[in-house]
Amino acid sequence: MTTHGKRYRNVSQLVSDGQRYSIDEAVALIGKTAGAKFDESVDIAVRLGVNPRQADQMVRGAVSLPHGIGKAVRVAVFADGDAARAAKEAGADFVGSDDLVARIQDGWTDFDKAVAVRSMMAKVGRLGRVLGPRGLMPNPKTGTVDGPEKVAGVVQKLKAGRFDFRVERA
């Protein structure tokens, strides 16, 4: 039998095993059971009952939270000229074209989101093997590939706390 600490025992009295809670009750319990000396986070998993292998049952989208996601997002932008200048002014952490592509081909992936101008996608496409498995590849479906006039807006949304979601096999 494992023994637990005082804090765990006190918190476990508030939660019943096997009981299903509504969203309102669960959120209230999160506040009552929090007690760590750091900012705690909550992960939510929702069973949608869809088959991810079926193309017509794909669920994906993007949500902007009003108070952000609680951490600083590092954004890399593939652009040149006026679009690069606008992205830098909007708060992008890394901006470049051929130099950024070469840096990533050498193995550097120290950023959280990537945005690209449509004209740069021919060069960024070569990075698919590096960025694809990490979920960093710019994609028009998620709004991270756009025209040069909209890049600044995309960067601002990502920095403000927009995140993408999609259905997984599990």
N, C-alpha and C. Protein backbone atom coordinates (compact mmCIF):
# COMPACT_ATOMS: atom_id res chain seq x y z
N MET A 1 0.84 -1.18 0.00
CA MET A 1 0.00 0.00 0.00
C MET A 1 0.90 1.25 0.00
N THR A 2 0.56 2.19 -0.84
CA THR A 2 1.35 3.41 -0.90
C THR A 2 0.77 4.45 0.05
N THR A 3 1.65 5.17 0.65
CA THR A 3 1.20 6.24 1.53
C THR A 3 1.30 7.56 0.80
N HIS A 4 0.39 8.44 1.10
CA HIS A 4 0.35 9.73 0.44
C HIS A 4 0.56 10.83 1.47
N GLY A 5 0.94 11.98 0.97
CA GLY A 5 1.17 13.12 1.84
C GLY A 5 -0.12 13.76 2.31
N LYS A 6 0.04 14.72 3.22
CA LYS A 6 -1.10 15.43 3.80
C LYS A 6 -1.93 16.15 2.73
N ARG A 7 -1.25 16.82 1.84
CA ARG A 7 -1.96 17.59 0.80
C ARG A 7 -2.79 16.66 -0.09
N TYR A 8 -2.23 15.54 -0.50
CA TYR A 8 -2.95 14.59 -1.34
C TYR A 8 -4.18 14.04 -0.62
N ARG A 9 -4.01 13.69 0.65
CA ARG A 9 -5.15 13.14 1.41
C ARG A 9 -6.26 14.16 1.54
N ASN A 10 -5.92 15.42 1.76
CA ASN A 10 -6.94 16.47 1.89
C ASN A 10 -7.67 16.69 0.57
N VAL A 11 -6.93 16.68 -0.51
CA VAL A 11 -7.53 16.90 -1.82
C VAL A 11 -8.38 15.71 -2.23
N SER A 12 -7.94 14.50 -1.92
CA SER A 12 -8.68 13.31 -2.32
C SER A 12 -10.04 13.20 -1.62
N GLN A 13 -10.21 13.87 -0.50
CA GLN A 13 -11.52 13.87 0.16
C GLN A 13 -12.53 14.71 -0.61
N LEU A 14 -12.06 15.66 -1.40
CA LEU A 14 -12.95 16.51 -2.18
C LEU A 14 -13.44 15.86 -3.47
N VAL A 15 -12.69 14.86 -3.96
CA VAL A 15 -13.00 14.23 -5.23
C VAL A 15 -13.40 12.78 -4.99
N SER A 16 -14.50 12.35 -5.63
CA SER A 16 -14.96 10.97 -5.51
C SER A 16 -14.52 10.16 -6.71
N ASP A 17 -13.95 8.98 -6.46
CA ASP A 17 -13.53 8.10 -7.55
C ASP A 17 -14.74 7.59 -8.31
N GLY A 18 -14.63 7.57 -9.63
CA GLY A 18 -15.69 7.01 -10.46
C GLY A 18 -16.87 7.94 -10.70
N GLN A 19 -16.92 9.06 -10.04
CA GLN A 19 -18.03 9.99 -10.25
C GLN A 19 -17.73 10.90 -11.42
N ARG A 20 -18.73 11.12 -12.27
CA ARG A 20 -18.59 12.04 -13.40
C ARG A 20 -19.08 13.41 -12.96
N TYR A 21 -18.28 14.41 -13.26
CA TYR A 21 -18.62 15.78 -12.89
C TYR A 21 -18.99 16.58 -14.14
N SER A 22 -19.92 17.52 -13.98
CA SER A 22 -20.23 18.42 -15.08
C SER A 22 -19.07 19.39 -15.24
N ILE A 23 -19.07 20.13 -16.33
CA ILE A 23 -17.96 21.05 -16.58
C ILE A 23 -17.89 22.10 -15.48
N ASP A 24 -19.04 22.62 -15.06
CA ASP A 24 -19.04 23.64 -14.00
C ASP A 24 -18.49 23.09 -12.69
N GLU A 25 -18.90 21.88 -12.34
CA GLU A 25 -18.41 21.26 -11.10
C GLU A 25 -16.90 20.98 -11.20
N ALA A 26 -16.45 20.51 -12.38
CA ALA A 26 -15.04 20.20 -12.55
C ALA A 26 -14.19 21.46 -12.44
N VAL A 27 -14.64 22.56 -13.03
CA VAL A 27 -13.88 23.80 -12.95
C VAL A 27 -13.83 24.29 -11.50
N ALA A 28 -14.92 24.15 -10.78
CA ALA A 28 -14.93 24.55 -9.37
C ALA A 28 -13.96 23.69 -8.56
N LEU A 29 -13.92 22.37 -8.85
CA LEU A 29 -13.01 21.47 -8.15
C LEU A 29 -11.55 21.79 -8.46
N ILE A 30 -11.28 22.22 -9.68
CA ILE A 30 -9.90 22.58 -10.04
C ILE A 30 -9.41 23.70 -9.13
N GLY A 31 -10.25 24.69 -8.93
CA GLY A 31 -9.87 25.81 -8.06
C GLY A 31 -9.67 25.39 -6.62
N LYS A 32 -10.51 24.47 -6.14
CA LYS A 32 -10.41 24.03 -4.74
C LYS A 32 -9.19 23.14 -4.50
N THR A 33 -8.83 22.33 -5.51
CA THR A 33 -7.75 21.37 -5.30
C THR A 33 -6.37 21.93 -5.65
N ALA A 34 -6.31 23.11 -6.24
CA ALA A 34 -5.01 23.70 -6.60
C ALA A 34 -4.27 24.11 -5.34
N GLY A 35 -2.99 23.85 -5.29
CA GLY A 35 -2.23 24.22 -4.11
C GLY A 35 -0.73 24.19 -4.32
N ALA A 36 -0.31 24.05 -5.54
CA ALA A 36 1.12 23.99 -5.82
C ALA A 36 1.73 25.39 -5.77
N LYS A 37 3.03 25.45 -5.71
CA LYS A 37 3.73 26.73 -5.63
C LYS A 37 4.09 27.27 -7.01
N PHE A 38 3.48 26.71 -8.06
CA PHE A 38 3.72 27.16 -9.42
C PHE A 38 2.37 27.26 -10.12
N ASP A 39 2.35 27.84 -11.31
CA ASP A 39 1.11 27.96 -12.07
C ASP A 39 0.76 26.59 -12.63
N GLU A 40 -0.34 26.05 -12.17
CA GLU A 40 -0.77 24.74 -12.62
C GLU A 40 -1.51 24.86 -13.95
N SER A 41 -1.57 23.77 -14.69
CA SER A 41 -2.29 23.78 -15.96
C SER A 41 -3.29 22.63 -15.98
N VAL A 42 -4.22 22.71 -16.89
CA VAL A 42 -5.26 21.70 -17.03
C VAL A 42 -5.28 21.23 -18.47
N ASP A 43 -5.28 19.92 -18.68
CA ASP A 43 -5.41 19.35 -20.02
C ASP A 43 -6.81 18.77 -20.14
N ILE A 44 -7.41 18.99 -21.29
CA ILE A 44 -8.77 18.50 -21.52
C ILE A 44 -8.73 17.53 -22.69
N ALA A 45 -9.29 16.35 -22.51
CA ALA A 45 -9.44 15.38 -23.58
C ALA A 45 -10.92 15.12 -23.76
N VAL A 46 -11.39 15.25 -24.99
CA VAL A 46 -12.80 15.09 -25.29
C VAL A 46 -12.95 13.92 -26.26
N ARG A 47 -13.79 12.96 -25.92
CA ARG A 47 -14.06 11.84 -26.82
C ARG A 47 -15.19 12.26 -27.76
N LEU A 48 -14.86 12.41 -29.04
CA LEU A 48 -15.81 12.91 -30.02
C LEU A 48 -16.58 11.80 -30.73
N GLY A 49 -16.06 10.59 -30.68
CA GLY A 49 -16.74 9.48 -31.35
C GLY A 49 -16.59 9.53 -32.86
N VAL A 50 -15.50 10.09 -33.36
CA VAL A 50 -15.26 10.13 -34.80
C VAL A 50 -14.06 9.25 -35.14
N ASN A 51 -14.00 8.83 -36.38
CA ASN A 51 -12.89 8.01 -36.84
C ASN A 51 -11.90 8.93 -37.56
N PRO A 52 -10.69 9.14 -37.01
CA PRO A 52 -9.74 10.06 -37.64
C PRO A 52 -9.21 9.59 -38.99
N ARG A 53 -9.44 8.33 -39.31
CA ARG A 53 -8.96 7.83 -40.60
C ARG A 53 -9.92 8.20 -41.74
N GLN A 54 -11.13 8.61 -41.39
CA GLN A 54 -12.10 9.02 -42.39
C GLN A 54 -11.94 10.52 -42.66
N ALA A 55 -11.75 10.88 -43.91
CA ALA A 55 -11.50 12.28 -44.26
C ALA A 55 -12.70 13.17 -43.95
N ASP A 56 -13.91 12.64 -44.02
CA ASP A 56 -15.09 13.46 -43.76
C ASP A 56 -15.37 13.62 -42.27
N GLN A 57 -14.60 12.97 -41.42
CA GLN A 57 -14.81 13.08 -39.97
C GLN A 57 -13.66 13.80 -39.27
N MET A 58 -12.85 14.53 -40.02
CA MET A 58 -11.74 15.27 -39.41
C MET A 58 -12.28 16.48 -38.66
N VAL A 59 -11.76 16.67 -37.47
CA VAL A 59 -12.13 17.83 -36.66
C VAL A 59 -10.84 18.61 -36.42
N ARG A 60 -10.80 19.85 -36.88
CA ARG A 60 -9.63 20.69 -36.65
C ARG A 60 -10.08 22.13 -36.68
N GLY A 61 -9.33 22.95 -35.98
CA GLY A 61 -9.67 24.37 -35.94
C GLY A 61 -8.67 25.13 -35.10
N ALA A 62 -9.00 26.38 -34.85
CA ALA A 62 -8.13 27.25 -34.06
C ALA A 62 -9.00 28.07 -33.13
N VAL A 63 -8.49 28.32 -31.92
CA VAL A 63 -9.21 29.08 -30.91
C VAL A 63 -8.28 30.13 -30.33
N SER A 64 -8.80 31.35 -30.17
CA SER A 64 -8.06 32.40 -29.49
C SER A 64 -8.64 32.58 -28.10
N LEU A 65 -7.84 32.35 -27.10
CA LEU A 65 -8.31 32.50 -25.73
C LEU A 65 -8.18 33.96 -25.30
N PRO A 66 -9.12 34.46 -24.50
CA PRO A 66 -9.11 35.88 -24.14
C PRO A 66 -7.90 36.31 -23.31
N HIS A 67 -7.34 35.41 -22.53
CA HIS A 67 -6.20 35.76 -21.68
C HIS A 67 -4.94 35.00 -22.07
N GLY A 68 -4.89 34.48 -23.29
CA GLY A 68 -3.71 33.78 -23.77
C GLY A 68 -3.66 32.36 -23.25
N ILE A 69 -2.55 31.68 -23.53
CA ILE A 69 -2.40 30.28 -23.13
C ILE A 69 -1.46 30.14 -21.94
N GLY A 70 -0.98 31.24 -21.42
CA GLY A 70 -0.18 31.19 -20.20
C GLY A 70 1.32 31.06 -20.42
N LYS A 71 1.75 31.01 -21.66
CA LYS A 71 3.19 30.96 -21.90
C LYS A 71 3.52 31.78 -23.14
N ALA A 72 4.75 32.20 -23.22
CA ALA A 72 5.19 33.00 -24.36
C ALA A 72 5.39 32.09 -25.56
N VAL A 73 4.86 32.49 -26.70
CA VAL A 73 4.96 31.72 -27.92
C VAL A 73 6.04 32.33 -28.80
N ARG A 74 6.99 31.50 -29.25
CA ARG A 74 8.05 31.97 -30.15
C ARG A 74 7.63 31.70 -31.59
N VAL A 75 7.54 32.76 -32.38
CA VAL A 75 7.03 32.65 -33.74
C VAL A 75 8.15 32.90 -34.74
N ALA A 76 8.28 32.00 -35.71
CA ALA A 76 9.22 32.16 -36.81
C ALA A 76 8.43 32.47 -38.08
N VAL A 77 8.87 33.48 -38.83
CA VAL A 77 8.16 33.91 -40.03
C VAL A 77 9.09 33.80 -41.24
N PHE A 78 8.60 33.12 -42.27
CA PHE A 78 9.32 33.01 -43.53
C PHE A 78 8.77 34.09 -44.46
N ALA A 79 9.51 35.18 -44.57
CA ALA A 79 9.07 36.30 -45.41
C ALA A 79 10.27 37.14 -45.80
N ASP A 80 10.07 37.99 -46.80
CA ASP A 80 11.11 38.94 -47.17
C ASP A 80 10.47 40.26 -47.55
N GLY A 81 11.25 41.31 -47.58
CA GLY A 81 10.76 42.63 -47.97
C GLY A 81 9.83 43.25 -46.95
N ASP A 82 8.73 43.84 -47.44
CA ASP A 82 7.78 44.53 -46.57
C ASP A 82 7.09 43.57 -45.60
N ALA A 83 6.82 42.34 -46.04
CA ALA A 83 6.18 41.36 -45.17
C ALA A 83 7.08 41.03 -43.99
N ALA A 84 8.38 40.93 -44.22
CA ALA A 84 9.32 40.63 -43.13
C ALA A 84 9.36 41.79 -42.14
N ARG A 85 9.35 43.00 -42.65
CA ARG A 85 9.36 44.17 -41.78
C ARG A 85 8.09 44.24 -40.94
N ALA A 86 6.93 43.96 -41.57
CA ALA A 86 5.65 43.98 -40.86
C ALA A 86 5.60 42.89 -39.79
N ALA A 87 6.14 41.71 -40.10
CA ALA A 87 6.15 40.61 -39.14
C ALA A 87 7.01 40.96 -37.93
N LYS A 88 8.16 41.57 -38.16
CA LYS A 88 9.05 41.96 -37.06
C LYS A 88 8.37 42.99 -36.17
N GLU A 89 7.65 43.96 -36.79
CA GLU A 89 6.93 44.97 -36.01
C GLU A 89 5.78 44.36 -35.23
N ALA A 90 5.19 43.28 -35.75
CA ALA A 90 4.07 42.63 -35.07
C ALA A 90 4.52 41.77 -33.90
N GLY A 91 5.83 41.55 -33.77
CA GLY A 91 6.34 40.81 -32.62
C GLY A 91 6.92 39.45 -32.92
N ALA A 92 7.16 39.14 -34.20
CA ALA A 92 7.75 37.85 -34.54
C ALA A 92 9.15 37.75 -33.95
N ASP A 93 9.50 36.58 -33.44
CA ASP A 93 10.80 36.38 -32.80
C ASP A 93 11.91 36.14 -33.82
N PHE A 94 11.59 35.40 -34.89
CA PHE A 94 12.58 35.07 -35.90
C PHE A 94 11.97 35.34 -37.27
N VAL A 95 12.63 36.16 -38.06
CA VAL A 95 12.13 36.50 -39.39
C VAL A 95 13.28 36.30 -40.38
N GLY A 96 12.97 35.66 -41.49
CA GLY A 96 13.99 35.46 -42.51
C GLY A 96 13.43 34.74 -43.71
N SER A 97 14.28 34.53 -44.69
CA SER A 97 13.85 33.79 -45.88
C SER A 97 14.85 32.66 -46.11
N ASP A 98 15.80 32.85 -47.00
CA ASP A 98 16.77 31.79 -47.28
C ASP A 98 17.65 31.48 -46.07
N ASP A 99 18.00 32.51 -45.31
CA ASP A 99 18.84 32.29 -44.12
C ASP A 99 18.11 31.46 -43.07
N LEU A 100 16.83 31.70 -42.88
CA LEU A 100 16.05 30.93 -41.91
C LEU A 100 15.84 29.50 -42.38
N VAL A 101 15.63 29.32 -43.68
CA VAL A 101 15.48 27.97 -44.25
C VAL A 101 16.77 27.18 -44.04
N ALA A 102 17.92 27.80 -44.30
CA ALA A 102 19.20 27.12 -44.12
C ALA A 102 19.45 26.76 -42.66
N ARG A 103 19.07 27.67 -41.77
CA ARG A 103 19.26 27.42 -40.34
C ARG A 103 18.44 26.23 -39.86
N ILE A 104 17.21 26.12 -40.36
CA ILE A 104 16.34 25.01 -39.97
C ILE A 104 16.83 23.70 -40.59
N GLN A 105 17.35 23.75 -41.81
CA GLN A 105 17.90 22.55 -42.44
C GLN A 105 19.10 22.02 -41.66
N ASP A 106 19.79 22.90 -40.96
CA ASP A 106 20.92 22.48 -40.12
C ASP A 106 20.47 21.88 -38.80
N GLY A 107 19.15 21.89 -38.52
CA GLY A 107 18.65 21.22 -37.32
C GLY A 107 18.07 22.14 -36.25
N TRP A 108 18.02 23.42 -36.49
CA TRP A 108 17.50 24.37 -35.48
C TRP A 108 15.97 24.42 -35.56
N THR A 109 15.31 24.14 -34.45
CA THR A 109 13.84 24.24 -34.39
C THR A 109 13.42 24.82 -33.04
N ASP A 110 14.03 25.90 -32.64
CA ASP A 110 13.77 26.49 -31.33
C ASP A 110 12.66 27.54 -31.41
N PHE A 111 11.49 27.15 -31.93
CA PHE A 111 10.33 28.03 -32.00
C PHE A 111 9.07 27.19 -31.87
N ASP A 112 7.95 27.84 -31.55
CA ASP A 112 6.70 27.12 -31.29
C ASP A 112 5.75 27.11 -32.48
N LYS A 113 5.74 28.18 -33.27
CA LYS A 113 4.84 28.30 -34.41
C LYS A 113 5.60 28.86 -35.60
N ALA A 114 5.22 28.46 -36.79
CA ALA A 114 5.84 28.97 -38.01
C ALA A 114 4.77 29.56 -38.91
N VAL A 115 5.07 30.71 -39.49
CA VAL A 115 4.18 31.40 -40.41
C VAL A 115 4.95 31.65 -41.69
N ALA A 116 4.27 31.55 -42.83
CA ALA A 116 4.94 31.76 -44.10
C ALA A 116 4.08 32.59 -45.04
N VAL A 117 4.75 33.37 -45.87
CA VAL A 117 4.08 34.08 -46.96
C VAL A 117 3.95 33.09 -48.11
N ARG A 118 2.86 33.19 -48.87
CA ARG A 118 2.62 32.23 -49.95
C ARG A 118 3.81 32.11 -50.90
N SER A 119 4.44 33.23 -51.21
CA SER A 119 5.55 33.21 -52.16
C SER A 119 6.77 32.45 -51.62
N MET A 120 6.85 32.26 -50.31
CA MET A 120 7.97 31.54 -49.70
C MET A 120 7.73 30.03 -49.58
N MET A 121 6.52 29.58 -49.86
CA MET A 121 6.19 28.17 -49.63
C MET A 121 7.01 27.22 -50.50
N ALA A 122 7.51 27.67 -51.63
CA ALA A 122 8.37 26.81 -52.46
C ALA A 122 9.64 26.46 -51.70
N LYS A 123 10.18 27.43 -50.97
CA LYS A 123 11.40 27.19 -50.18
C LYS A 123 11.10 26.45 -48.89
N VAL A 124 9.97 26.80 -48.26
CA VAL A 124 9.59 26.19 -46.98
C VAL A 124 9.18 24.73 -47.19
N GLY A 125 8.67 24.41 -48.38
CA GLY A 125 8.26 23.03 -48.67
C GLY A 125 9.38 22.03 -48.51
N ARG A 126 10.61 22.47 -48.73
CA ARG A 126 11.75 21.56 -48.57
C ARG A 126 11.98 21.19 -47.11
N LEU A 127 11.39 21.96 -46.19
CA LEU A 127 11.58 21.70 -44.76
C LEU A 127 10.54 20.73 -44.20
N GLY A 128 9.72 20.16 -45.06
CA GLY A 128 8.63 19.29 -44.61
C GLY A 128 9.09 18.13 -43.73
N ARG A 129 10.23 17.55 -44.05
CA ARG A 129 10.72 16.42 -43.26
C ARG A 129 11.16 16.84 -41.87
N VAL A 130 11.58 18.08 -41.72
CA VAL A 130 12.03 18.57 -40.42
C VAL A 130 10.85 19.12 -39.62
N LEU A 131 10.04 19.98 -40.25
CA LEU A 131 8.96 20.66 -39.53
C LEU A 131 7.69 19.82 -39.41
N GLY A 132 7.42 18.97 -40.38
CA GLY A 132 6.18 18.20 -40.40
C GLY A 132 5.96 17.33 -39.17
N PRO A 133 6.90 16.46 -38.81
CA PRO A 133 6.69 15.60 -37.64
C PRO A 133 6.56 16.36 -36.32
N ARG A 134 7.09 17.57 -36.27
CA ARG A 134 7.01 18.37 -35.04
C ARG A 134 5.74 19.23 -35.01
N GLY A 135 4.95 19.21 -36.08
CA GLY A 135 3.74 20.01 -36.14
C GLY A 135 4.01 21.49 -36.34
N LEU A 136 5.15 21.84 -36.91
CA LEU A 136 5.53 23.23 -37.09
C LEU A 136 5.36 23.72 -38.53
N MET A 137 5.00 22.84 -39.44
CA MET A 137 4.91 23.22 -40.85
C MET A 137 3.77 24.21 -41.08
N PRO A 138 4.05 25.35 -41.72
CA PRO A 138 2.97 26.29 -42.04
C PRO A 138 1.95 25.63 -42.95
N ASN A 139 0.68 25.93 -42.72
CA ASN A 139 -0.39 25.25 -43.42
C ASN A 139 -1.52 26.25 -43.68
N PRO A 140 -2.03 26.35 -44.91
CA PRO A 140 -3.13 27.28 -45.17
C PRO A 140 -4.40 26.92 -44.42
N LYS A 141 -4.61 25.64 -44.12
CA LYS A 141 -5.83 25.24 -43.40
C LYS A 141 -5.84 25.77 -41.97
N THR A 142 -4.68 25.91 -41.38
CA THR A 142 -4.62 26.44 -40.00
C THR A 142 -4.36 27.93 -39.97
N GLY A 143 -4.27 28.56 -41.14
CA GLY A 143 -4.11 30.00 -41.20
C GLY A 143 -2.69 30.50 -41.01
N THR A 144 -1.70 29.62 -41.16
CA THR A 144 -0.32 30.05 -40.97
C THR A 144 0.39 30.29 -42.30
N VAL A 145 -0.33 30.20 -43.41
CA VAL A 145 0.18 30.59 -44.72
C VAL A 145 -0.79 31.62 -45.26
N ASP A 146 -0.29 32.81 -45.53
CA ASP A 146 -1.18 33.88 -45.98
C ASP A 146 -0.42 34.85 -46.86
N GLY A 147 -1.11 35.84 -47.36
CA GLY A 147 -0.49 36.85 -48.20
C GLY A 147 0.37 37.78 -47.38
N PRO A 148 1.23 38.55 -48.04
CA PRO A 148 2.15 39.44 -47.32
C PRO A 148 1.45 40.52 -46.50
N GLU A 149 0.24 40.90 -46.90
CA GLU A 149 -0.46 41.95 -46.18
C GLU A 149 -1.11 41.46 -44.89
N LYS A 150 -1.27 40.15 -44.73
CA LYS A 150 -1.95 39.61 -43.56
C LYS A 150 -1.00 38.95 -42.55
N VAL A 151 0.27 38.89 -42.84
CA VAL A 151 1.23 38.20 -41.98
C VAL A 151 1.29 38.83 -40.59
N ALA A 152 1.26 40.14 -40.52
CA ALA A 152 1.34 40.82 -39.22
C ALA A 152 0.15 40.44 -38.33
N GLY A 153 -1.03 40.35 -38.91
CA GLY A 153 -2.22 39.96 -38.14
C GLY A 153 -2.12 38.54 -37.62
N VAL A 154 -1.59 37.64 -38.44
CA VAL A 154 -1.44 36.24 -38.02
C VAL A 154 -0.45 36.15 -36.87
N VAL A 155 0.66 36.89 -36.96
CA VAL A 155 1.67 36.87 -35.90
C VAL A 155 1.08 37.42 -34.61
N GLN A 156 0.31 38.49 -34.70
CA GLN A 156 -0.30 39.07 -33.49
C GLN A 156 -1.26 38.08 -32.83
N LYS A 157 -2.05 37.37 -33.63
CA LYS A 157 -2.99 36.39 -33.08
C LYS A 157 -2.26 35.24 -32.39
N LEU A 158 -1.18 34.75 -33.02
CA LEU A 158 -0.41 33.67 -32.42
C LEU A 158 0.24 34.11 -31.11
N LYS A 159 0.77 35.31 -31.08
CA LYS A 159 1.41 35.82 -29.85
C LYS A 159 0.38 36.07 -28.75
N ALA A 160 -0.86 36.39 -29.15
CA ALA A 160 -1.90 36.69 -28.17
C ALA A 160 -2.48 35.43 -27.54
N GLY A 161 -2.26 34.27 -28.13
CA GLY A 161 -2.74 33.06 -27.48
C GLY A 161 -3.63 32.19 -28.34
N ARG A 162 -3.52 32.27 -29.65
CA ARG A 162 -4.29 31.38 -30.51
C ARG A 162 -3.61 30.02 -30.54
N PHE A 163 -4.39 28.97 -30.46
CA PHE A 163 -3.80 27.64 -30.59
C PHE A 163 -4.69 26.78 -31.47
N ASP A 164 -4.08 25.78 -32.08
CA ASP A 164 -4.77 24.90 -33.02
C ASP A 164 -5.10 23.59 -32.34
N PHE A 165 -6.21 23.00 -32.76
CA PHE A 165 -6.56 21.68 -32.24
C PHE A 165 -6.98 20.80 -33.42
N ARG A 166 -6.83 19.49 -33.23
CA ARG A 166 -7.27 18.55 -34.24
C ARG A 166 -7.50 17.19 -33.59
N VAL A 167 -8.23 16.36 -34.28
CA VAL A 167 -8.55 15.05 -33.74
C VAL A 167 -7.30 14.16 -33.81
N GLU A 168 -7.13 13.30 -32.80
CA GLU A 168 -6.02 12.36 -32.75
C GLU A 168 -6.56 10.94 -32.73
N ARG A 169 -5.71 9.99 -33.00
CA ARG A 169 -6.14 8.60 -33.01
C ARG A 169 -6.57 8.11 -31.64
N ALA A 170 -5.92 8.61 -30.60
CA ALA A 170 -6.25 8.16 -29.25
C ALA A 170 -7.53 8.78 -28.78
